[in-house]
Amino acid sequence: MPSPKGSECQSAIIGGAALAIPQNGKNTELAKQFVQWLFEEEHYKEYLQLHKGLSVMNDVAYEPETDKAKEEFALMQAETDFVTDTFMTDESSSWRNYKDNEYRDALKRAVSGEITAKEALDGFAKQLSEASGWSMAY
């Protein structure tokens, strides 16, 4: 049961099955209760057995039942060795301050015709570069 990999301060998106609850959603409290229920060990274990995927929880993992399933799962698990720091997030860093509003505003200005799409995306890329301390790639 080797998954998940990485340190406690790093994570990689595994399979795109992440859950999010919209802040202004209609049933946010019910959604929170569902997420809490899903990640109880018994329920998450059942989910993994049906989903046959990698776990995001320590000590809870998919247990393949056939030789073929064991072989396929070993291959999928081995892929985590190729996750680079590019896809890791330091949960304590300021990178956690997402620029959602700035991105949305840039797109709104482009859609309204106030600026071009290129100006919107270039401007947002510059803001993101400055905030993250990363250089612009192009």
Protein backbone atom coordinates (compact mmCIF):
# COMPACT_ATOMS: atom_id res chain seq x y z
CA MET A 1 0.00 0.00 0.00
CA PRO A 2 2.51 2.66 -1.11
CA SER A 3 0.16 5.52 -2.09
CA PRO A 4 0.06 8.45 -1.56
CA LYS A 5 3.58 9.66 -2.35
CA GLY A 6 5.23 12.95 -1.44
CA SER A 7 5.65 14.86 1.76
CA GLU A 8 2.89 16.27 3.91
CA CYS A 9 3.51 19.68 2.34
CA GLN A 10 3.17 18.50 -1.24
CA SER A 11 0.33 17.07 -3.23
CA ALA A 12 -0.35 16.05 -6.79
CA ILE A 13 -3.74 15.96 -8.45
CA ILE A 14 -4.56 12.28 -8.78
CA GLY A 15 -7.03 11.50 -11.53
CA GLY A 16 -8.87 14.81 -11.45
CA ALA A 17 -11.38 13.52 -8.92
CA ALA A 18 -10.95 16.44 -6.54
CA LEU A 19 -14.07 17.76 -4.85
CA ALA A 20 -14.92 21.41 -4.36
CA ILE A 21 -17.84 23.15 -2.70
CA PRO A 22 -18.88 26.51 -4.18
CA GLN A 23 -18.86 29.17 -1.49
CA ASN A 24 -22.26 30.50 -2.56
CA GLY A 25 -23.76 27.16 -3.55
CA LYS A 26 -27.37 26.27 -2.79
CA ASN A 27 -26.60 23.37 -0.42
CA THR A 28 -23.09 24.03 0.87
CA GLU A 29 -23.73 22.50 4.29
CA LEU A 30 -25.09 19.31 2.74
CA ALA A 31 -22.12 19.22 0.37
CA LYS A 32 -19.71 19.53 3.31
CA GLN A 33 -21.49 16.68 5.07
CA PHE A 34 -21.17 14.54 1.92
CA VAL A 35 -17.43 15.21 1.61
CA GLN A 36 -16.94 14.37 5.29
CA TRP A 37 -18.98 11.18 4.84
CA LEU A 38 -17.10 10.16 1.67
CA PHE A 39 -13.72 10.52 3.34
CA GLU A 40 -14.63 8.39 6.35
CA GLU A 41 -12.36 5.34 6.05
CA GLU A 42 -15.15 2.80 5.44
CA HIS A 43 -16.81 4.84 2.69
CA TYR A 44 -13.58 5.93 1.00
CA LYS A 45 -12.34 2.33 0.98
CA GLU A 46 -15.56 1.24 -0.76
CA TYR A 47 -15.20 4.10 -3.27
CA LEU A 48 -11.62 3.05 -4.07
CA GLN A 49 -12.64 -0.57 -4.60
CA LEU A 50 -15.27 0.56 -7.14
CA HIS A 51 -13.10 3.27 -8.71
CA LYS A 52 -9.90 1.18 -8.73
CA GLY A 53 -7.76 4.27 -8.36
CA LEU A 54 -4.99 5.78 -6.30
CA SER A 55 -5.78 6.95 -2.80
CA VAL A 56 -5.32 10.47 -1.50
CA MET A 57 -5.43 9.19 2.10
CA ASN A 58 -2.71 7.52 4.11
CA ASP A 59 -3.52 3.97 5.23
CA VAL A 60 -6.49 3.59 2.85
CA ALA A 61 -5.82 2.03 -0.53
CA TYR A 62 -7.41 0.09 -3.36
CA GLU A 63 -6.78 -3.64 -2.96
CA PRO A 64 -6.78 -5.38 -6.36
CA GLU A 65 -8.50 -8.76 -6.27
CA THR A 66 -7.16 -10.43 -9.44
CA ASP A 67 -3.67 -10.89 -10.84
CA LYS A 68 -4.55 -8.73 -13.84
CA ALA A 69 -5.91 -5.97 -11.58
CA LYS A 70 -2.78 -6.19 -9.40
CA GLU A 71 -0.56 -5.84 -12.46
CA GLU A 72 -2.53 -2.84 -13.79
CA PHE A 73 -2.60 -1.15 -10.39
CA ALA A 74 1.15 -1.63 -9.94
CA LEU A 75 1.70 0.10 -13.28
CA MET A 76 -0.56 3.01 -12.29
CA GLN A 77 1.11 3.29 -8.88
CA ALA A 78 4.55 3.33 -10.53
CA GLU A 79 3.51 6.42 -12.51
CA THR A 80 3.57 8.46 -9.29
CA ASP A 81 7.36 8.10 -9.32
CA PHE A 82 7.38 10.43 -12.32
CA VAL A 83 5.51 13.30 -10.63
CA THR A 84 7.96 16.17 -10.60
CA ASP A 85 8.13 19.20 -8.35
CA THR A 86 6.44 21.11 -11.18
CA PHE A 87 3.19 19.47 -10.13
CA MET A 88 3.78 19.76 -6.42
CA THR A 89 2.29 22.50 -4.26
CA ASP A 90 3.87 23.72 -1.07
CA GLU A 91 0.70 24.04 1.00
CA SER A 92 2.33 26.67 3.22
CA SER A 93 3.45 28.97 0.40
CA SER A 94 1.87 32.18 -0.79
CA TRP A 95 1.16 30.32 -4.05
CA ARG A 96 -2.01 29.18 -2.28
CA ASN A 97 -3.38 32.70 -2.85
CA TYR A 98 -5.04 32.05 -6.18
CA LYS A 99 -5.67 34.84 -8.65
CA ASP A 100 -9.19 33.76 -9.62
CA ASN A 101 -10.69 37.26 -9.51
CA GLU A 102 -7.90 38.78 -11.57
CA TYR A 103 -8.26 36.05 -14.20
CA ARG A 104 -12.03 36.48 -14.31
CA ASP A 105 -11.72 40.26 -14.60
CA ALA A 106 -9.19 40.00 -17.44
CA LEU A 107 -11.50 37.66 -19.36
CA LYS A 108 -14.52 39.91 -18.76
CA ARG A 109 -12.63 42.89 -20.17
CA ALA A 110 -11.69 40.87 -23.26
CA VAL A 111 -15.21 39.55 -23.81
CA SER A 112 -16.66 43.07 -23.50
CA GLY A 113 -14.20 44.32 -26.11
CA GLU A 114 -12.45 46.69 -23.72
CA ILE A 115 -9.13 44.94 -24.45
CA THR A 116 -8.05 42.14 -26.79
CA ALA A 117 -7.85 38.51 -25.68
CA LYS A 118 -4.07 38.69 -26.04
CA GLU A 119 -3.89 41.80 -23.84
CA ALA A 120 -6.09 40.11 -21.23
CA LEU A 121 -4.04 36.93 -21.07
CA ASP A 122 -0.68 38.68 -21.28
CA GLY A 123 -1.71 41.07 -18.51
CA PHE A 124 -2.89 38.23 -16.30
CA ALA A 125 0.28 36.22 -17.01
CA LYS A 126 2.35 39.23 -15.94
CA GLN A 127 0.37 39.57 -12.68
CA LEU A 128 0.77 35.86 -12.00
CA SER A 129 4.48 35.97 -12.78
CA GLU A 130 5.03 38.90 -10.41
CA ALA A 131 2.98 37.32 -7.61
CA SER A 132 4.69 33.94 -7.88
CA GLY A 133 8.22 35.15 -8.52
CA TRP A 134 8.39 32.99 -11.64
CA SER A 135 9.71 34.36 -14.90
CA MET A 136 7.56 34.57 -18.01
CA ALA A 137 8.22 31.63 -20.35
CA TYR A 138 7.10 33.47 -23.48
